[in-house]
Amino acid sequence: MSIQIFILSKLMEDKNYPYKLKKQLSEPIPLDRLGGLTESKLYYHFESLVKQGLVEPVEVIKEEHRPDKQVYAITDKGREELPKKIYKLFENAEEIKDMIVCLANIKYVDRDKVVDILEKKIKTINGIWEEIRSFEPEQIGKDNENIGEFLHGYLSTRTDHTIYWFEELIKRIKTKEL
């Protein structure tokens, strides 16, 4: 889904073609390779967006001794669906790293709605943590007490860290630093 959000957001700015978008993702930092995005995956997502009616081919650029370039534009339906896809990715993301494409395109959504989504995530994390915290390492059994202590420390630190960064993200969204 994040690839489709990336494509739609780029097409909100101007018409484009897959190879050019892949090139933009690879310079200056090779985000395409870091994220495992191949040209075939990118083309697959373009085709999927065409089938959904969110983008449409508008032009073919022909150059001598080069493959034709299919240029795409976002449709009205695509403009309408982009915010929905962004909200859905925010809702489904488990960590902030899963939200990077959404954060880069936050201008296409209502910030207050994003804050609500993130605040619900914090409540959920706190609820799960309260449940986990109620278990004592000894309850796992004498043979697994060390594992219980290790997991308790790991989960405690990780949960505190996650909540801190979600709260920081909320603050920055509210103050429009992001």
N, C-alpha and C. Protein backbone atom coordinates (compact mmCIF):
# COMPACT_ATOMS: atom_id res chain seq x y z
N MET A 1 0.81 -1.20 0.00
CA MET A 1 0.00 0.00 0.00
C MET A 1 0.85 1.26 0.00
N SER A 2 1.99 1.26 0.71
CA SER A 2 2.81 2.46 0.76
C SER A 2 3.36 2.83 -0.62
N ILE A 3 3.60 1.82 -1.46
CA ILE A 3 4.07 2.11 -2.82
C ILE A 3 2.96 2.82 -3.58
N GLN A 4 1.74 2.37 -3.42
CA GLN A 4 0.63 3.02 -4.11
C GLN A 4 0.41 4.44 -3.61
N ILE A 5 0.57 4.66 -2.33
CA ILE A 5 0.47 6.02 -1.79
C ILE A 5 1.57 6.89 -2.38
N PHE A 6 2.79 6.35 -2.47
CA PHE A 6 3.90 7.09 -3.07
C PHE A 6 3.56 7.47 -4.51
N ILE A 7 3.08 6.51 -5.28
CA ILE A 7 2.75 6.77 -6.69
C ILE A 7 1.66 7.84 -6.80
N LEU A 8 0.58 7.65 -6.06
CA LEU A 8 -0.53 8.61 -6.12
C LEU A 8 -0.09 10.01 -5.71
N SER A 9 0.73 10.10 -4.67
CA SER A 9 1.17 11.42 -4.20
C SER A 9 2.05 12.10 -5.25
N LYS A 10 2.89 11.33 -5.92
CA LYS A 10 3.72 11.92 -6.98
C LYS A 10 2.87 12.37 -8.15
N LEU A 11 1.81 11.61 -8.45
CA LEU A 11 0.93 11.99 -9.55
C LEU A 11 0.03 13.17 -9.17
N MET A 12 -0.13 13.44 -7.89
CA MET A 12 -0.86 14.64 -7.45
C MET A 12 -0.08 15.88 -7.88
N GLU A 13 1.23 15.75 -7.91
CA GLU A 13 2.09 16.88 -8.27
C GLU A 13 2.16 17.09 -9.78
N ASP A 14 2.22 15.99 -10.53
CA ASP A 14 2.35 16.09 -11.99
C ASP A 14 2.26 14.69 -12.60
N LYS A 15 2.00 14.65 -13.89
CA LYS A 15 2.03 13.38 -14.60
C LYS A 15 3.43 12.79 -14.50
N ASN A 16 3.52 11.46 -14.58
CA ASN A 16 4.83 10.83 -14.41
C ASN A 16 4.81 9.43 -15.00
N TYR A 17 5.97 8.83 -15.09
CA TYR A 17 6.06 7.45 -15.58
C TYR A 17 6.90 6.63 -14.60
N PRO A 18 6.65 5.31 -14.58
CA PRO A 18 7.25 4.46 -13.56
C PRO A 18 8.77 4.55 -13.44
N TYR A 19 9.46 4.52 -14.55
CA TYR A 19 10.93 4.52 -14.47
C TYR A 19 11.44 5.80 -13.80
N LYS A 20 10.83 6.92 -14.10
CA LYS A 20 11.25 8.20 -13.49
C LYS A 20 11.01 8.19 -11.98
N LEU A 21 9.89 7.61 -11.55
CA LEU A 21 9.61 7.52 -10.11
C LEU A 21 10.62 6.61 -9.42
N LYS A 22 10.96 5.52 -10.06
CA LYS A 22 11.96 4.63 -9.47
C LYS A 22 13.29 5.34 -9.34
N LYS A 23 13.64 6.11 -10.35
CA LYS A 23 14.89 6.86 -10.32
C LYS A 23 14.87 7.88 -9.17
N GLN A 24 13.72 8.54 -8.96
CA GLN A 24 13.59 9.50 -7.85
C GLN A 24 13.78 8.81 -6.51
N LEU A 25 13.32 7.57 -6.42
CA LEU A 25 13.47 6.81 -5.18
C LEU A 25 14.90 6.36 -4.93
N SER A 26 15.70 6.33 -5.98
CA SER A 26 17.06 5.79 -5.83
C SER A 26 18.11 6.88 -5.64
N GLU A 27 17.73 8.13 -5.76
CA GLU A 27 18.72 9.21 -5.64
C GLU A 27 18.25 10.23 -4.62
N PRO A 28 19.04 10.75 -3.77
CA PRO A 28 20.44 10.44 -3.53
C PRO A 28 20.63 9.19 -2.67
N ILE A 29 19.58 8.81 -1.90
CA ILE A 29 19.65 7.62 -1.06
C ILE A 29 18.93 6.50 -1.81
N PRO A 30 19.50 5.33 -1.90
CA PRO A 30 18.86 4.24 -2.66
C PRO A 30 17.68 3.62 -1.91
N LEU A 31 16.61 4.41 -1.73
CA LEU A 31 15.45 3.92 -0.99
C LEU A 31 14.79 2.74 -1.70
N ASP A 32 14.91 2.71 -3.01
CA ASP A 32 14.31 1.59 -3.74
C ASP A 32 14.98 0.28 -3.35
N ARG A 33 16.29 0.27 -3.28
CA ARG A 33 17.00 -0.96 -2.90
C ARG A 33 16.81 -1.27 -1.43
N LEU A 34 16.81 -0.25 -0.58
CA LEU A 34 16.61 -0.48 0.85
C LEU A 34 15.22 -1.06 1.13
N GLY A 35 14.25 -0.65 0.33
CA GLY A 35 12.90 -1.15 0.52
C GLY A 35 12.55 -2.33 -0.37
N GLY A 36 13.51 -2.79 -1.16
CA GLY A 36 13.27 -3.94 -2.04
C GLY A 36 12.31 -3.64 -3.18
N LEU A 37 12.28 -2.39 -3.61
CA LEU A 37 11.37 -2.01 -4.69
C LEU A 37 12.05 -2.21 -6.04
N THR A 38 11.56 -3.16 -6.79
CA THR A 38 12.09 -3.42 -8.13
C THR A 38 11.20 -2.71 -9.15
N GLU A 39 11.71 -2.61 -10.36
CA GLU A 39 10.92 -2.00 -11.42
C GLU A 39 9.64 -2.79 -11.66
N SER A 40 9.76 -4.11 -11.62
CA SER A 40 8.57 -4.93 -11.87
C SER A 40 7.50 -4.70 -10.79
N LYS A 41 7.92 -4.52 -9.52
CA LYS A 41 6.95 -4.22 -8.46
C LYS A 41 6.28 -2.87 -8.70
N LEU A 42 7.07 -1.91 -9.13
CA LEU A 42 6.53 -0.58 -9.39
C LEU A 42 5.51 -0.64 -10.53
N TYR A 43 5.84 -1.33 -11.61
CA TYR A 43 4.92 -1.47 -12.73
C TYR A 43 3.66 -2.22 -12.30
N TYR A 44 3.84 -3.23 -11.46
CA TYR A 44 2.69 -3.98 -10.95
C TYR A 44 1.73 -3.03 -10.22
N HIS A 45 2.27 -2.15 -9.39
CA HIS A 45 1.43 -1.23 -8.63
C HIS A 45 0.77 -0.20 -9.54
N PHE A 46 1.47 0.23 -10.58
CA PHE A 46 0.84 1.13 -11.56
C PHE A 46 -0.35 0.43 -12.20
N GLU A 47 -0.17 -0.81 -12.62
CA GLU A 47 -1.25 -1.58 -13.24
C GLU A 47 -2.41 -1.76 -12.28
N SER A 48 -2.10 -2.04 -11.03
CA SER A 48 -3.14 -2.20 -10.02
C SER A 48 -3.93 -0.90 -9.85
N LEU A 49 -3.23 0.22 -9.82
CA LEU A 49 -3.90 1.52 -9.67
C LEU A 49 -4.77 1.83 -10.89
N VAL A 50 -4.32 1.42 -12.08
CA VAL A 50 -5.12 1.60 -13.29
C VAL A 50 -6.40 0.78 -13.16
N LYS A 51 -6.29 -0.49 -12.73
CA LYS A 51 -7.45 -1.36 -12.58
C LYS A 51 -8.44 -0.80 -11.56
N GLN A 52 -7.91 -0.14 -10.52
CA GLN A 52 -8.78 0.46 -9.50
C GLN A 52 -9.40 1.77 -9.99
N GLY A 53 -8.93 2.26 -11.14
CA GLY A 53 -9.44 3.52 -11.68
C GLY A 53 -8.85 4.74 -11.00
N LEU A 54 -7.71 4.57 -10.34
CA LEU A 54 -7.11 5.67 -9.59
C LEU A 54 -6.09 6.46 -10.42
N VAL A 55 -5.51 5.80 -11.41
CA VAL A 55 -4.60 6.48 -12.35
C VAL A 55 -4.97 6.02 -13.75
N GLU A 56 -4.53 6.80 -14.73
CA GLU A 56 -4.80 6.44 -16.11
C GLU A 56 -3.63 6.84 -16.99
N PRO A 57 -3.38 6.03 -18.02
CA PRO A 57 -2.32 6.42 -18.96
C PRO A 57 -2.82 7.60 -19.78
N VAL A 58 -1.95 8.59 -19.97
CA VAL A 58 -2.37 9.79 -20.69
C VAL A 58 -1.50 10.10 -21.90
N GLU A 59 -0.34 9.43 -21.98
CA GLU A 59 0.58 9.77 -23.05
C GLU A 59 1.64 8.67 -23.16
N VAL A 60 2.18 8.53 -24.37
CA VAL A 60 3.31 7.64 -24.59
C VAL A 60 4.44 8.47 -25.16
N ILE A 61 5.57 8.44 -24.49
CA ILE A 61 6.74 9.17 -24.97
C ILE A 61 7.59 8.18 -25.77
N LYS A 62 7.80 8.53 -27.02
CA LYS A 62 8.61 7.67 -27.89
C LYS A 62 9.94 8.35 -28.15
N GLU A 63 11.01 7.62 -27.91
CA GLU A 63 12.36 8.12 -28.17
C GLU A 63 13.08 7.06 -29.01
N GLU A 64 13.88 7.53 -29.93
CA GLU A 64 14.63 6.61 -30.78
C GLU A 64 15.61 5.80 -29.94
N HIS A 65 15.67 4.51 -30.21
CA HIS A 65 16.58 3.58 -29.54
C HIS A 65 16.32 3.44 -28.04
N ARG A 66 15.12 3.78 -27.62
CA ARG A 66 14.75 3.65 -26.21
C ARG A 66 13.35 3.07 -26.12
N PRO A 67 13.06 2.38 -25.04
CA PRO A 67 11.69 1.86 -24.88
C PRO A 67 10.69 3.00 -24.71
N ASP A 68 9.47 2.78 -25.15
CA ASP A 68 8.42 3.78 -24.96
C ASP A 68 8.16 3.98 -23.47
N LYS A 69 7.79 5.19 -23.12
CA LYS A 69 7.48 5.51 -21.72
C LYS A 69 6.00 5.83 -21.61
N GLN A 70 5.30 5.03 -20.83
CA GLN A 70 3.88 5.25 -20.59
C GLN A 70 3.75 6.27 -19.46
N VAL A 71 3.14 7.41 -19.75
CA VAL A 71 2.97 8.48 -18.77
C VAL A 71 1.57 8.36 -18.17
N TYR A 72 1.50 8.51 -16.85
CA TYR A 72 0.24 8.35 -16.13
C TYR A 72 -0.14 9.65 -15.43
N ALA A 73 -1.46 9.80 -15.20
CA ALA A 73 -1.99 10.91 -14.41
C ALA A 73 -2.97 10.33 -13.39
N ILE A 74 -3.13 11.04 -12.31
CA ILE A 74 -4.09 10.61 -11.29
C ILE A 74 -5.49 11.00 -11.74
N THR A 75 -6.47 10.17 -11.45
CA THR A 75 -7.86 10.46 -11.79
C THR A 75 -8.53 11.17 -10.61
N ASP A 76 -9.75 11.64 -10.85
CA ASP A 76 -10.51 12.25 -9.75
C ASP A 76 -10.74 11.24 -8.64
N LYS A 77 -11.01 10.00 -9.03
CA LYS A 77 -11.20 8.94 -8.04
C LYS A 77 -9.91 8.72 -7.24
N GLY A 78 -8.76 8.82 -7.93
CA GLY A 78 -7.46 8.67 -7.26
C GLY A 78 -7.23 9.77 -6.25
N ARG A 79 -7.62 11.00 -6.60
CA ARG A 79 -7.48 12.13 -5.66
C ARG A 79 -8.36 11.91 -4.42
N GLU A 80 -9.51 11.30 -4.64
CA GLU A 80 -10.43 11.02 -3.54
C GLU A 80 -9.93 9.87 -2.67
N GLU A 81 -9.31 8.88 -3.29
CA GLU A 81 -8.87 7.69 -2.57
C GLU A 81 -7.53 7.86 -1.84
N LEU A 82 -6.69 8.77 -2.29
CA LEU A 82 -5.38 8.95 -1.66
C LEU A 82 -5.49 9.18 -0.16
N PRO A 83 -6.30 10.13 0.31
CA PRO A 83 -6.40 10.31 1.76
C PRO A 83 -6.89 9.05 2.49
N LYS A 84 -7.82 8.31 1.88
CA LYS A 84 -8.33 7.09 2.50
C LYS A 84 -7.21 6.06 2.65
N LYS A 85 -6.37 5.95 1.63
CA LYS A 85 -5.25 5.01 1.69
C LYS A 85 -4.24 5.43 2.77
N ILE A 86 -4.04 6.73 2.89
CA ILE A 86 -3.11 7.24 3.90
C ILE A 86 -3.65 6.94 5.30
N TYR A 87 -4.93 7.24 5.53
CA TYR A 87 -5.53 6.95 6.84
C TYR A 87 -5.43 5.46 7.15
N LYS A 88 -5.73 4.63 6.17
CA LYS A 88 -5.70 3.18 6.40
C LYS A 88 -4.30 2.71 6.76
N LEU A 89 -3.29 3.26 6.09
CA LEU A 89 -1.92 2.87 6.42
C LEU A 89 -1.54 3.35 7.82
N PHE A 90 -1.95 4.56 8.19
CA PHE A 90 -1.72 5.03 9.57
C PHE A 90 -2.38 4.06 10.56
N GLU A 91 -3.60 3.64 10.27
CA GLU A 91 -4.32 2.75 11.18
C GLU A 91 -3.65 1.38 11.28
N ASN A 92 -3.15 0.87 10.19
CA ASN A 92 -2.56 -0.47 10.17
C ASN A 92 -1.10 -0.52 10.60
N ALA A 93 -0.44 0.62 10.59
CA ALA A 93 0.99 0.66 10.94
C ALA A 93 1.18 0.30 12.41
N GLU A 94 2.17 -0.53 12.65
CA GLU A 94 2.48 -0.91 14.02
C GLU A 94 3.59 -0.06 14.61
N GLU A 95 4.41 0.50 13.74
CA GLU A 95 5.53 1.33 14.20
C GLU A 95 5.61 2.57 13.32
N ILE A 96 6.31 3.56 13.80
CA ILE A 96 6.45 4.80 13.06
C ILE A 96 7.14 4.56 11.72
N LYS A 97 8.08 3.63 11.67
CA LYS A 97 8.77 3.37 10.41
C LYS A 97 7.81 2.91 9.32
N ASP A 98 6.67 2.34 9.71
CA ASP A 98 5.65 1.92 8.75
C ASP A 98 4.83 3.09 8.23
N MET A 99 5.02 4.27 8.82
CA MET A 99 4.21 5.45 8.48
C MET A 99 4.97 6.49 7.66
N ILE A 100 6.19 6.21 7.30
CA ILE A 100 7.03 7.22 6.68
C ILE A 100 6.40 7.81 5.42
N VAL A 101 5.85 6.96 4.56
CA VAL A 101 5.23 7.47 3.33
C VAL A 101 4.02 8.33 3.68
N CYS A 102 3.28 7.94 4.71
CA CYS A 102 2.13 8.74 5.14
C CYS A 102 2.58 10.10 5.66
N LEU A 103 3.62 10.08 6.48
CA LEU A 103 4.11 11.34 7.05
C LEU A 103 4.63 12.28 5.96
N ALA A 104 5.25 11.70 4.94
CA ALA A 104 5.75 12.52 3.83
C ALA A 104 4.61 13.13 3.02
N ASN A 105 3.41 12.58 3.16
CA ASN A 105 2.26 13.06 2.40
C ASN A 105 1.12 13.53 3.29
N ILE A 106 1.48 13.98 4.48
CA ILE A 106 0.47 14.40 5.45
C ILE A 106 -0.34 15.60 4.96
N LYS A 107 0.17 16.32 3.99
CA LYS A 107 -0.55 17.48 3.46
C LYS A 107 -1.86 17.09 2.77
N TYR A 108 -2.03 15.80 2.46
CA TYR A 108 -3.23 15.34 1.77
C TYR A 108 -4.32 14.84 2.72
N VAL A 109 -4.08 14.94 4.03
CA VAL A 109 -5.05 14.45 5.00
C VAL A 109 -5.31 15.48 6.09
N ASP A 110 -6.34 15.22 6.89
CA ASP A 110 -6.69 16.06 8.03
C ASP A 110 -5.80 15.67 9.20
N ARG A 111 -4.99 16.60 9.67
CA ARG A 111 -4.04 16.34 10.75
C ARG A 111 -4.75 15.89 12.04
N ASP A 112 -5.90 16.47 12.31
CA ASP A 112 -6.63 16.10 13.53
C ASP A 112 -7.05 14.63 13.49
N LYS A 113 -7.45 14.18 12.32
CA LYS A 113 -7.85 12.78 12.18
C LYS A 113 -6.63 11.86 12.39
N VAL A 114 -5.47 12.28 11.88
CA VAL A 114 -4.24 11.50 12.09
C VAL A 114 -3.90 11.45 13.57
N VAL A 115 -4.02 12.58 14.25
CA VAL A 115 -3.75 12.63 15.68
C VAL A 115 -4.69 11.68 16.43
N ASP A 116 -5.97 11.67 16.05
CA ASP A 116 -6.92 10.74 16.67
C ASP A 116 -6.48 9.29 16.49
N ILE A 117 -6.05 8.95 15.28
CA ILE A 117 -5.59 7.58 15.00
C ILE A 117 -4.40 7.24 15.89
N LEU A 118 -3.45 8.16 15.99
CA LEU A 118 -2.25 7.91 16.80
C LEU A 118 -2.56 7.83 18.28
N GLU A 119 -3.47 8.67 18.75
CA GLU A 119 -3.86 8.61 20.16
C GLU A 119 -4.54 7.28 20.49
N LYS A 120 -5.33 6.75 19.57
CA LYS A 120 -5.95 5.44 19.76
C LYS A 120 -4.87 4.36 19.83
N LYS A 121 -3.84 4.50 19.01
CA LYS A 121 -2.73 3.54 19.04
C LYS A 121 -2.07 3.54 20.42
N ILE A 122 -1.85 4.72 20.97
CA ILE A 122 -1.23 4.83 22.29
C ILE A 122 -2.11 4.15 23.35
N LYS A 123 -3.43 4.38 23.27
CA LYS A 123 -4.35 3.74 24.22
C LYS A 123 -4.27 2.22 24.10
N THR A 124 -4.22 1.73 22.87
CA THR A 124 -4.13 0.28 22.65
C THR A 124 -2.84 -0.27 23.21
N ILE A 125 -1.74 0.42 22.94
CA ILE A 125 -0.43 -0.03 23.45
C ILE A 125 -0.44 -0.04 24.98
N ASN A 126 -0.98 1.01 25.57
CA ASN A 126 -1.05 1.07 27.04
C ASN A 126 -1.92 -0.05 27.59
N GLY A 127 -3.02 -0.36 26.93
CA GLY A 127 -3.90 -1.44 27.38
C GLY A 127 -3.19 -2.78 27.34
N ILE A 128 -2.50 -3.04 26.25
CA ILE A 128 -1.76 -4.30 26.13
C ILE A 128 -0.65 -4.35 27.17
N TRP A 129 0.03 -3.23 27.35
CA TRP A 129 1.12 -3.20 28.32
C TRP A 129 0.61 -3.44 29.74
N GLU A 130 -0.53 -2.87 30.09
CA GLU A 130 -1.10 -3.09 31.43
C GLU A 130 -1.38 -4.58 31.65
N GLU A 131 -1.86 -5.23 30.60
CA GLU A 131 -2.13 -6.66 30.68
C GLU A 131 -0.83 -7.44 30.89
N ILE A 132 0.19 -7.10 30.13
CA ILE A 132 1.48 -7.80 30.23
C ILE A 132 2.13 -7.51 31.57
N ARG A 133 2.05 -6.27 32.02
CA ARG A 133 2.70 -5.86 33.26
C ARG A 133 2.14 -6.60 34.47
N SER A 134 0.90 -7.04 34.36
CA SER A 134 0.29 -7.73 35.50
C SER A 134 0.90 -9.10 35.75
N PHE A 135 1.60 -9.64 34.78
CA PHE A 135 2.26 -10.92 34.97
C PHE A 135 3.61 -10.70 35.63
N GLU A 136 3.90 -11.51 36.58
CA GLU A 136 5.19 -11.47 37.25
C GLU A 136 6.08 -12.55 36.63
N PRO A 137 7.39 -12.28 36.52
CA PRO A 137 8.29 -13.28 35.93
C PRO A 137 8.15 -14.66 36.57
N GLU A 138 7.86 -14.69 37.88
CA GLU A 138 7.74 -15.96 38.58
C GLU A 138 6.55 -16.78 38.09
N GLN A 139 5.52 -16.09 37.56
CA GLN A 139 4.32 -16.80 37.10
C GLN A 139 4.61 -17.70 35.91
N ILE A 140 5.65 -17.43 35.20
CA ILE A 140 6.01 -18.24 34.04
C ILE A 140 6.52 -19.59 34.49
N GLY A 141 6.99 -19.65 35.69
CA GLY A 141 7.52 -20.91 36.23
C GLY A 141 8.97 -20.72 36.62
N LYS A 142 9.38 -21.45 37.61
CA LYS A 142 10.74 -21.33 38.13
C LYS A 142 11.78 -21.55 37.04
N ASP A 143 11.54 -22.53 36.14
CA ASP A 143 12.52 -22.84 35.09
C ASP A 143 12.64 -21.72 34.07
N ASN A 144 11.59 -20.91 33.91
CA ASN A 144 11.60 -19.85 32.89
C ASN A 144 11.67 -18.45 33.50
N GLU A 145 12.01 -18.37 34.78
CA GLU A 145 12.02 -17.08 35.47
C GLU A 145 12.97 -16.09 34.80
N ASN A 146 14.14 -16.56 34.38
CA ASN A 146 15.10 -15.66 33.73
C ASN A 146 14.56 -15.14 32.40
N ILE A 147 13.89 -16.00 31.67
CA ILE A 147 13.29 -15.58 30.40
C ILE A 147 12.21 -14.54 30.68
N GLY A 148 11.42 -14.79 31.71
CA GLY A 148 10.37 -13.85 32.09
C GLY A 148 10.93 -12.48 32.45
N GLU A 149 12.00 -12.46 33.22
CA GLU A 149 12.63 -11.18 33.59
C GLU A 149 13.19 -10.47 32.36
N PHE A 150 13.82 -11.24 31.48
CA PHE A 150 14.37 -10.66 30.26
C PHE A 150 13.26 -10.05 29.41
N LEU A 151 12.20 -10.82 29.18
CA LEU A 151 11.10 -10.34 28.35
C LEU A 151 10.41 -9.14 28.98
N HIS A 152 10.25 -9.17 30.28
CA HIS A 152 9.63 -8.05 30.98
C HIS A 152 10.46 -6.77 30.77
N GLY A 153 11.76 -6.87 30.92
CA GLY A 153 12.63 -5.71 30.70
C GLY A 153 12.59 -5.22 29.26
N TYR A 154 12.66 -6.17 28.33
CA TYR A 154 12.65 -5.83 26.91
C TYR A 154 11.32 -5.15 26.54
N LEU A 155 10.22 -5.77 26.91
CA LEU A 155 8.91 -5.22 26.54
C LEU A 155 8.65 -3.88 27.21
N SER A 156 9.10 -3.74 28.44
CA SER A 156 8.93 -2.48 29.16
C SER A 156 9.67 -1.35 28.44
N THR A 157 10.92 -1.61 28.12
CA THR A 157 11.73 -0.59 27.43
C THR A 157 11.16 -0.27 26.06
N ARG A 158 10.82 -1.31 25.33
CA ARG A 158 10.29 -1.12 23.97
C ARG A 158 8.96 -0.35 24.01
N THR A 159 8.10 -0.69 24.94
CA THR A 159 6.81 -0.02 25.05
C THR A 159 7.00 1.45 25.41
N ASP A 160 7.84 1.73 26.39
CA ASP A 160 8.11 3.12 26.77
C ASP A 160 8.66 3.91 25.58
N HIS A 161 9.57 3.31 24.86
CA HIS A 161 10.18 3.94 23.68
C HIS A 161 9.12 4.23 22.61
N THR A 162 8.29 3.25 22.34
CA THR A 162 7.25 3.40 21.32
C THR A 162 6.28 4.50 21.70
N ILE A 163 5.83 4.49 22.94
CA ILE A 163 4.88 5.52 23.39
C ILE A 163 5.52 6.90 23.32
N TYR A 164 6.76 7.00 23.75
CA TYR A 164 7.46 8.30 23.69
C TYR A 164 7.44 8.85 22.27
N TRP A 165 7.80 8.01 21.29
CA TRP A 165 7.90 8.49 19.91
C TRP A 165 6.53 8.74 19.29
N PHE A 166 5.52 7.99 19.68
CA PHE A 166 4.17 8.30 19.19
C PHE A 166 3.72 9.65 19.75
N GLU A 167 4.00 9.89 21.03
CA GLU A 167 3.63 11.18 21.62
C GLU A 167 4.40 12.32 20.96
N GLU A 168 5.68 12.10 20.68
CA GLU A 168 6.49 13.11 20.00
C GLU A 168 5.94 13.37 18.60
N LEU A 169 5.54 12.32 17.91
CA LEU A 169 4.96 12.47 16.58
C LEU A 169 3.67 13.27 16.64
N ILE A 170 2.82 12.96 17.60
CA ILE A 170 1.57 13.71 17.76
C ILE A 170 1.86 15.19 17.99
N LYS A 171 2.81 15.47 18.86
CA LYS A 171 3.16 16.86 19.16
C LYS A 171 3.61 17.58 17.88
N ARG A 172 4.44 16.93 17.10
CA ARG A 172 4.96 17.56 15.88
C ARG A 172 3.90 17.72 14.80
N ILE A 173 2.96 16.80 14.76
CA ILE A 173 1.86 16.95 13.81
C ILE A 173 0.97 18.12 14.23
N LYS A 174 0.69 18.21 15.53
CA LYS A 174 -0.16 19.31 16.03
C LYS A 174 0.48 20.67 15.80
N THR A 175 1.80 20.75 15.96
CA THR A 175 2.48 22.04 15.79
C THR A 175 2.93 22.28 14.35
N LYS A 176 2.56 21.35 13.47
CA LYS A 176 2.86 21.42 12.04
C LYS A 176 4.35 21.44 11.75
N GLU A 177 5.14 20.83 12.66
CA GLU A 177 6.56 20.66 12.39
C GLU A 177 6.77 19.59 11.33
N LEU A 178 5.79 18.75 11.17
CA LEU A 178 5.83 17.70 10.12
C LEU A 178 4.73 17.97 9.13
